[in-house]
PDB file of N, CA and C in Angstrom:
ATOM      1  N   UNK A   1       0.863  -1.213   0.027  1.00  0.00           N
ATOM      2  CA  UNK A   1       0.034  -0.012   0.041  1.00  0.00           C
ATOM      3  C   UNK A   1       0.886   1.230  -0.026  1.00  0.00           C
ATOM      4  N   UNK A   2       1.969   1.110   0.652  1.00  0.00           N
ATOM      5  CA  UNK A   2       2.819   2.418   0.689  1.00  0.00           C
ATOM      6  C   UNK A   2       3.511   2.619  -0.600  1.00  0.00           C
ATOM      7  N   UNK A   3       3.676   1.626  -1.447  1.00  0.00           N
ATOM      8  CA  UNK A   3       4.212   1.754  -2.864  1.00  0.00           C
ATOM      9  C   UNK A   3       3.279   2.565  -3.623  1.00  0.00           C
ATOM     10  N   UNK A   4       2.037   2.404  -3.527  1.00  0.00           N
ATOM     11  CA  UNK A   4       1.073   3.106  -4.309  1.00  0.00           C
ATOM     12  C   UNK A   4       1.174   4.590  -4.040  1.00  0.00           C
ATOM     13  N   UNK A   5       1.170   4.932  -2.689  1.00  0.00           N
ATOM     14  CA  UNK A   5       1.243   6.387  -2.309  1.00  0.00           C
ATOM     15  C   UNK A   5       2.565   6.964  -2.623  1.00  0.00           C
ATOM     16  N   UNK A   6       3.654   6.165  -2.627  1.00  0.00           N
ATOM     17  CA  UNK A   6       5.004   6.746  -2.906  1.00  0.00           C
ATOM     18  C   UNK A   6       5.257   6.997  -4.368  1.00  0.00           C
ATOM     19  N   UNK A   7       4.430   6.352  -5.310  1.00  0.00           N
ATOM     20  CA  UNK A   7       4.579   6.729  -6.666  1.00  0.00           C
ATOM     21  C   UNK A   7       5.247   5.633  -7.466  1.00  0.00           C
ATOM     22  N   UNK A   8       5.672   4.516  -6.859  1.00  0.00           N
ATOM     23  CA  UNK A   8       6.326   3.484  -7.683  1.00  0.00           C
ATOM     24  C   UNK A   8       5.460   2.738  -8.583  1.00  0.00           C
ATOM     25  N   UNK A   9       4.203   2.541  -8.271  1.00  0.00           N
ATOM     26  CA  UNK A   9       3.294   1.871  -9.123  1.00  0.00           C
ATOM     27  C   UNK A   9       3.011   2.760 -10.377  1.00  0.00           C
ATOM     28  N   UNK A  10       2.762   4.012 -10.169  1.00  0.00           N
ATOM     29  CA  UNK A  10       2.498   5.013 -11.229  1.00  0.00           C
ATOM     30  C   UNK A  10       3.654   5.081 -12.152  1.00  0.00           C
ATOM     31  N   UNK A  11       4.872   5.030 -11.611  1.00  0.00           N
ATOM     32  CA  UNK A  11       6.033   5.048 -12.458  1.00  0.00           C
ATOM     33  C   UNK A  11       6.151   3.820 -13.379  1.00  0.00           C
ATOM     34  N   UNK A  12       5.850   2.705 -12.759  1.00  0.00           N
ATOM     35  CA  UNK A  12       5.807   1.426 -13.520  1.00  0.00           C
ATOM     36  C   UNK A  12       4.793   1.417 -14.601  1.00  0.00           C
ATOM     37  N   UNK A  13       3.620   2.067 -14.426  1.00  0.00           N
ATOM     38  CA  UNK A  13       2.610   2.147 -15.437  1.00  0.00           C
ATOM     39  C   UNK A  13       3.082   3.082 -16.530  1.00  0.00           C
ATOM     40  N   UNK A  14       3.736   4.147 -16.133  1.00  0.00           N
ATOM     41  CA  UNK A  14       4.257   5.104 -17.094  1.00  0.00           C
ATOM     42  C   UNK A  14       5.294   4.495 -18.010  1.00  0.00           C
ATOM     43  N   UNK A  15       6.193   3.708 -17.374  1.00  0.00           N
ATOM     44  CA  UNK A  15       7.184   3.041 -18.224  1.00  0.00           C
ATOM     45  C   UNK A  15       6.637   2.066 -19.145  1.00  0.00           C
ATOM     46  N   UNK A  16       5.565   1.291 -18.653  1.00  0.00           N
ATOM     47  CA  UNK A  16       4.879   0.267 -19.495  1.00  0.00           C
ATOM     48  C   UNK A  16       4.333   0.986 -20.642  1.00  0.00           C
ATOM     49  N   UNK A  17       3.566   2.098 -20.422  1.00  0.00           N
ATOM     50  CA  UNK A  17       2.910   2.851 -21.414  1.00  0.00           C
ATOM     51  C   UNK A  17       3.942   3.347 -22.470  1.00  0.00           C
ATOM     52  N   UNK A  18       5.017   3.826 -22.083  1.00  0.00           N
ATOM     53  CA  UNK A  18       6.011   4.374 -23.034  1.00  0.00           C
ATOM     54  C   UNK A  18       6.604   3.220 -23.861  1.00  0.00           C
ATOM     55  N   UNK A  19       6.927   2.022 -23.207  1.00  0.00           N
ATOM     56  CA  UNK A  19       7.473   0.970 -23.937  1.00  0.00           C
ATOM     57  C   UNK A  19       6.449   0.423 -24.890  1.00  0.00           C
ATOM     58  N   UNK A  20       5.187   0.347 -24.533  1.00  0.00           N
ATOM     59  CA  UNK A  20       4.126  -0.120 -25.438  1.00  0.00           C
ATOM     60  C   UNK A  20       4.014   0.791 -26.679  1.00  0.00           C
ATOM     61  N   UNK A  21       4.200   2.155 -26.408  1.00  0.00           N
ATOM     62  CA  UNK A  21       4.117   3.157 -27.472  1.00  0.00           C
ATOM     63  C   UNK A  21       5.307   2.959 -28.398  1.00  0.00           C
ATOM     64  N   UNK A  22       6.534   2.707 -27.848  1.00  0.00           N
ATOM     65  CA  UNK A  22       7.624   2.525 -28.705  1.00  0.00           C
ATOM     66  C   UNK A  22       7.482   1.306 -29.597  1.00  0.00           C
ATOM     67  N   UNK A  23       6.913   0.196 -29.024  1.00  0.00           N
ATOM     68  CA  UNK A  23       6.806  -0.995 -29.817  1.00  0.00           C
ATOM     69  C   UNK A  23       5.750  -0.712 -31.004  1.00  0.00           C
ATOM     70  N   UNK A  24       4.627  -0.081 -30.641  1.00  0.00           N
ATOM     71  CA  UNK A  24       3.643   0.195 -31.641  1.00  0.00           C
ATOM     72  C   UNK A  24       4.210   1.147 -32.734  1.00  0.00           C
ATOM     73  N   UNK A  25       4.780   2.198 -32.337  1.00  0.00           N
ATOM     74  CA  UNK A  25       5.459   3.149 -33.292  1.00  0.00           C
ATOM     75  C   UNK A  25       6.434   2.370 -34.170  1.00  0.00           C
ATOM     76  N   UNK A  26       7.230   1.542 -33.627  1.00  0.00           N
ATOM     77  CA  UNK A  26       8.141   0.762 -34.466  1.00  0.00           C
ATOM     78  C   UNK A  26       7.453  -0.107 -35.448  1.00  0.00           C
ATOM     79  N   UNK A  27       6.375  -0.741 -34.982  1.00  0.00           N
ATOM     80  CA  UNK A  27       5.630  -1.581 -35.924  1.00  0.00           C
ATOM     81  C   UNK A  27       4.957  -0.720 -37.056  1.00  0.00           C
ATOM     82  N   UNK A  28       4.542   0.465 -36.676  1.00  0.00           N
ATOM     83  CA  UNK A  28       3.952   1.427 -37.665  1.00  0.00           C
ATOM     84  C   UNK A  28       4.952   1.811 -38.735  1.00  0.00           C
ATOM     85  N   UNK A  29       6.205   2.014 -38.297  1.00  0.00           N
ATOM     86  CA  UNK A  29       7.186   2.337 -39.241  1.00  0.00           C
ATOM     87  C   UNK A  29       7.545   1.122 -40.228  1.00  0.00           C
ATOM     88  N   UNK A  30       7.509  -0.028 -39.659  1.00  0.00           N
ATOM     89  CA  UNK A  30       7.741  -1.262 -40.516  1.00  0.00           C
ATOM     90  C   UNK A  30       6.552  -1.393 -41.473  1.00  0.00           C
ATOM     91  N   UNK A  31       5.411  -1.242 -40.937  1.00  0.00           N
ATOM     92  CA  UNK A  31       4.219  -1.446 -41.871  1.00  0.00           C
ATOM     93  C   UNK A  31       4.159  -0.409 -42.992  1.00  0.00           C
ATOM     94  N   UNK A  32       4.448   0.884 -42.659  1.00  0.00           N
ATOM     95  CA  UNK A  32       4.426   1.870 -43.721  1.00  0.00           C
ATOM     96  C   UNK A  32       5.484   1.658 -44.677  1.00  0.00           C
ATOM     97  N   UNK A  33       6.755   1.247 -44.228  1.00  0.00           N
ATOM     98  CA  UNK A  33       7.759   0.983 -45.183  1.00  0.00           C
ATOM     99  C   UNK A  33       7.341  -0.163 -46.098  1.00  0.00           C
ATOM    100  N   UNK A  34       6.743  -1.186 -45.514  1.00  0.00           N
ATOM    101  CA  UNK A  34       6.350  -2.326 -46.403  1.00  0.00           C
ATOM    102  C   UNK A  34       5.264  -1.956 -47.378  1.00  0.00           C
ATOM    103  N   UNK A  35       4.343  -1.049 -46.999  1.00  0.00           N
ATOM    104  CA  UNK A  35       3.317  -0.626 -47.912  1.00  0.00           C
ATOM    105  C   UNK A  35       3.908   0.291 -48.936  1.00  0.00           C
ATOM    106  N   UNK A  36       4.813   1.131 -48.630  1.00  0.00           N
ATOM    107  CA  UNK A  36       5.433   2.084 -49.539  1.00  0.00           C
ATOM    108  C   UNK A  36       6.183   1.185 -50.681  1.00  0.00           C
ATOM    109  N   UNK A  37       6.892   0.193 -50.172  1.00  0.00           N
ATOM    110  CA  UNK A  37       7.740  -0.610 -51.155  1.00  0.00           C
ATOM    111  C   UNK A  37       6.909  -1.486 -51.959  1.00  0.00           C
ATOM    112  N   UNK A  38       5.661  -1.782 -51.662  1.00  0.00           N
ATOM    113  CA  UNK A  38       4.821  -2.599 -52.563  1.00  0.00           C
ATOM    114  C   UNK A  38       4.679  -1.930 -53.958  1.00  0.00           C
ATOM    115  N   UNK A  39       4.887  -2.691 -54.979  1.00  0.00           N
ATOM    116  CA  UNK A  39       4.741  -2.111 -56.278  1.00  0.00           C
ATOM    117  C   UNK A  39       3.245  -1.799 -56.632  1.00  0.00           C
ATOM    118  N   UNK A  40       2.989  -0.681 -56.949  1.00  0.00           N
ATOM    119  CA  UNK A  40       1.695  -0.303 -57.444  1.00  0.00           C
ATOM    120  C   UNK A  40       0.725   0.264 -56.291  1.00  0.00           C
ATOM    121  N   UNK A  41       1.177   0.169 -55.022  1.00  0.00           N
ATOM    122  CA  UNK A  41       0.340   0.746 -53.977  1.00  0.00           C
ATOM    123  C   UNK A  41       0.258   2.232 -53.963  1.00  0.00           C
ATOM    124  N   UNK A  42       1.382   2.887 -54.153  1.00  0.00           N
ATOM    125  CA  UNK A  42       1.409   4.351 -54.260  1.00  0.00           C
ATOM    126  C   UNK A  42       2.127   4.652 -55.589  1.00  0.00           C
ATOM    127  N   UNK A  43       1.642   5.701 -56.237  1.00  0.00           N
ATOM    128  CA  UNK A  43       2.202   6.049 -57.547  1.00  0.00           C
ATOM    129  C   UNK A  43       3.625   6.700 -57.215  1.00  0.00           C
ATOM    130  N   UNK A  44       4.374   6.877 -58.272  1.00  0.00           N
ATOM    131  CA  UNK A  44       5.750   7.456 -58.023  1.00  0.00           C
ATOM    132  C   UNK A  44       5.597   8.991 -57.789  1.00  0.00           C
ATOM    133  N   UNK A  45       4.450   9.518 -58.048  1.00  0.00           N
ATOM    134  CA  UNK A  45       4.276  10.975 -57.862  1.00  0.00           C
ATOM    135  C   UNK A  45       3.911  11.337 -56.375  1.00  0.00           C
ATOM    136  N   UNK A  46       3.558  10.291 -55.594  1.00  0.00           N
ATOM    137  CA  UNK A  46       3.203  10.450 -54.252  1.00  0.00           C
ATOM    138  C   UNK A  46       4.275  10.260 -53.254  1.00  0.00           C
ATOM    139  N   UNK A  47       5.451  10.611 -53.649  1.00  0.00           N
ATOM    140  CA  UNK A  47       6.597  10.483 -52.787  1.00  0.00           C
ATOM    141  C   UNK A  47       6.551  11.411 -51.569  1.00  0.00           C
ATOM    142  N   UNK A  48       5.913  12.645 -51.709  1.00  0.00           N
ATOM    143  CA  UNK A  48       5.783  13.543 -50.591  1.00  0.00           C
ATOM    144  C   UNK A  48       4.863  12.987 -49.572  1.00  0.00           C
ATOM    145  N   UNK A  49       3.858  12.315 -49.978  1.00  0.00           N
ATOM    146  CA  UNK A  49       2.825  11.757 -49.034  1.00  0.00           C
ATOM    147  C   UNK A  49       3.495  10.596 -48.246  1.00  0.00           C
ATOM    148  N   UNK A  50       4.288   9.775 -48.974  1.00  0.00           N
ATOM    149  CA  UNK A  50       5.044   8.683 -48.263  1.00  0.00           C
ATOM    150  C   UNK A  50       6.032   9.202 -47.389  1.00  0.00           C
ATOM    151  N   UNK A  51       6.759  10.243 -47.715  1.00  0.00           N
ATOM    152  CA  UNK A  51       7.744  10.850 -46.851  1.00  0.00           C
ATOM    153  C   UNK A  51       7.052  11.389 -45.538  1.00  0.00           C
ATOM    154  N   UNK A  52       5.911  12.065 -45.741  1.00  0.00           N
ATOM    155  CA  UNK A  52       5.224  12.528 -44.559  1.00  0.00           C
ATOM    156  C   UNK A  52       4.692  11.367 -43.636  1.00  0.00           C
ATOM    157  N   UNK A  53       4.292  10.265 -44.254  1.00  0.00           N
ATOM    158  CA  UNK A  53       3.908   9.126 -43.353  1.00  0.00           C
ATOM    159  C   UNK A  53       5.065   8.682 -42.514  1.00  0.00           C
ATOM    160  N   UNK A  54       6.218   8.522 -43.082  1.00  0.00           N
ATOM    161  CA  UNK A  54       7.359   8.036 -42.401  1.00  0.00           C
ATOM    162  C   UNK A  54       7.825   9.036 -41.353  1.00  0.00           C
ATOM    163  N   UNK A  55       7.776  10.395 -41.784  1.00  0.00           N
ATOM    164  CA  UNK A  55       8.166  11.409 -40.798  1.00  0.00           C
ATOM    165  C   UNK A  55       7.256  11.405 -39.616  1.00  0.00           C
ATOM    166  N   UNK A  56       5.953  11.220 -39.755  1.00  0.00           N
ATOM    167  CA  UNK A  56       5.013  11.202 -38.582  1.00  0.00           C
ATOM    168  C   UNK A  56       5.282  10.051 -37.714  1.00  0.00           C
ATOM    169  N   UNK A  57       5.632   8.846 -38.339  1.00  0.00           N
ATOM    170  CA  UNK A  57       5.912   7.667 -37.532  1.00  0.00           C
ATOM    171  C   UNK A  57       7.216   7.831 -36.769  1.00  0.00           C
ATOM    172  N   UNK A  58       8.146   8.397 -37.413  1.00  0.00           N
ATOM    173  CA  UNK A  58       9.488   8.604 -36.663  1.00  0.00           C
ATOM    174  C   UNK A  58       9.348   9.644 -35.528  1.00  0.00           C
ATOM    175  N   UNK A  59       8.558  10.675 -35.740  1.00  0.00           N
ATOM    176  CA  UNK A  59       8.335  11.627 -34.718  1.00  0.00           C
ATOM    177  C   UNK A  59       7.498  11.034 -33.482  1.00  0.00           C
ATOM    178  N   UNK A  60       6.628  10.144 -33.826  1.00  0.00           N
ATOM    179  CA  UNK A  60       5.878   9.467 -32.747  1.00  0.00           C
ATOM    180  C   UNK A  60       6.774   8.617 -32.002  1.00  0.00           C
ATOM    181  N   UNK A  61       7.660   7.898 -32.679  1.00  0.00           N
ATOM    182  CA  UNK A  61       8.683   7.040 -31.993  1.00  0.00           C
ATOM    183  C   UNK A  61       9.582   7.848 -31.049  1.00  0.00           C
ATOM    184  N   UNK A  62      10.060   8.943 -31.619  1.00  0.00           N
ATOM    185  CA  UNK A  62      10.939   9.919 -30.830  1.00  0.00           C
ATOM    186  C   UNK A  62      10.180  10.411 -29.594  1.00  0.00           C
ATOM    187  N   UNK A  63       8.964  10.747 -29.813  1.00  0.00           N
ATOM    188  CA  UNK A  63       8.163  11.238 -28.622  1.00  0.00           C
ATOM    189  C   UNK A  63       8.033  10.274 -27.552  1.00  0.00           C
ATOM    190  N   UNK A  64       7.813   9.021 -27.856  1.00  0.00           N
ATOM    191  CA  UNK A  64       7.694   8.004 -26.805  1.00  0.00           C
ATOM    192  C   UNK A  64       9.062   7.748 -26.175  1.00  0.00           C
ATOM    193  N   UNK A  65      10.113   7.797 -26.980  1.00  0.00           N
ATOM    194  CA  UNK A  65      11.464   7.615 -26.311  1.00  0.00           C
ATOM    195  C   UNK A  65      11.742   8.764 -25.376  1.00  0.00           C
ATOM    196  N   UNK A  66      11.419  10.070 -25.711  1.00  0.00           N
ATOM    197  CA  UNK A  66      11.619  11.138 -24.865  1.00  0.00           C
ATOM    198  C   UNK A  66      10.747  11.050 -23.578  1.00  0.00           C
ATOM    199  N   UNK A  67       9.503  10.604 -23.746  1.00  0.00           N
ATOM    200  CA  UNK A  67       8.680  10.403 -22.611  1.00  0.00           C
ATOM    201  C   UNK A  67       9.183   9.335 -21.693  1.00  0.00           C
ATOM    202  N   UNK A  68       9.829   8.233 -22.207  1.00  0.00           N
ATOM    203  CA  UNK A  68      10.429   7.234 -21.407  1.00  0.00           C
ATOM    204  C   UNK A  68      11.580   7.763 -20.634  1.00  0.00           C
ATOM    205  N   UNK A  69      12.456   8.517 -21.298  1.00  0.00           N
ATOM    206  CA  UNK A  69      13.676   8.956 -20.593  1.00  0.00           C
ATOM    207  C   UNK A  69      13.396  10.230 -19.723  1.00  0.00           C
ATOM    208  N   UNK A  70      12.370  10.958 -20.076  1.00  0.00           N
ATOM    209  CA  UNK A  70      12.038  12.181 -19.245  1.00  0.00           C
ATOM    210  C   UNK A  70      11.116  11.827 -18.084  1.00  0.00           C
ATOM    211  N   UNK A  71      10.430  10.612 -18.171  1.00  0.00           N
ATOM    212  CA  UNK A  71       9.512  10.172 -17.119  1.00  0.00           C
ATOM    213  C   UNK A  71       8.482  11.136 -16.778  1.00  0.00           C
ATOM    214  N   UNK A  72       7.880  11.758 -17.806  1.00  0.00           N
ATOM    215  CA  UNK A  72       6.770  12.676 -17.703  1.00  0.00           C
ATOM    216  C   UNK A  72       7.032  13.928 -17.017  1.00  0.00           C
ATOM    217  N   UNK A  73       8.281  14.470 -17.108  1.00  0.00           N
ATOM    218  CA  UNK A  73       8.617  15.777 -16.515  1.00  0.00           C
ATOM    219  C   UNK A  73       8.270  16.814 -17.461  1.00  0.00           C
TER     220      UNK A  73
END
């Protein structure tokens, strides 16, 4: 009971949330790269759209990494 009031449980949930976010963001990067590399899925003229998709996924991954190391500060 004292661990709950001292914040150790909340810290554990925060770390679990960040690690889950990192895993999901990594999977999204992999899926987007796979879809972009498929022949015929996106036209060659849509390279800006594909670059924005990857940029958003990388920013999401970096956000969760910063949240993990910053611990919500």
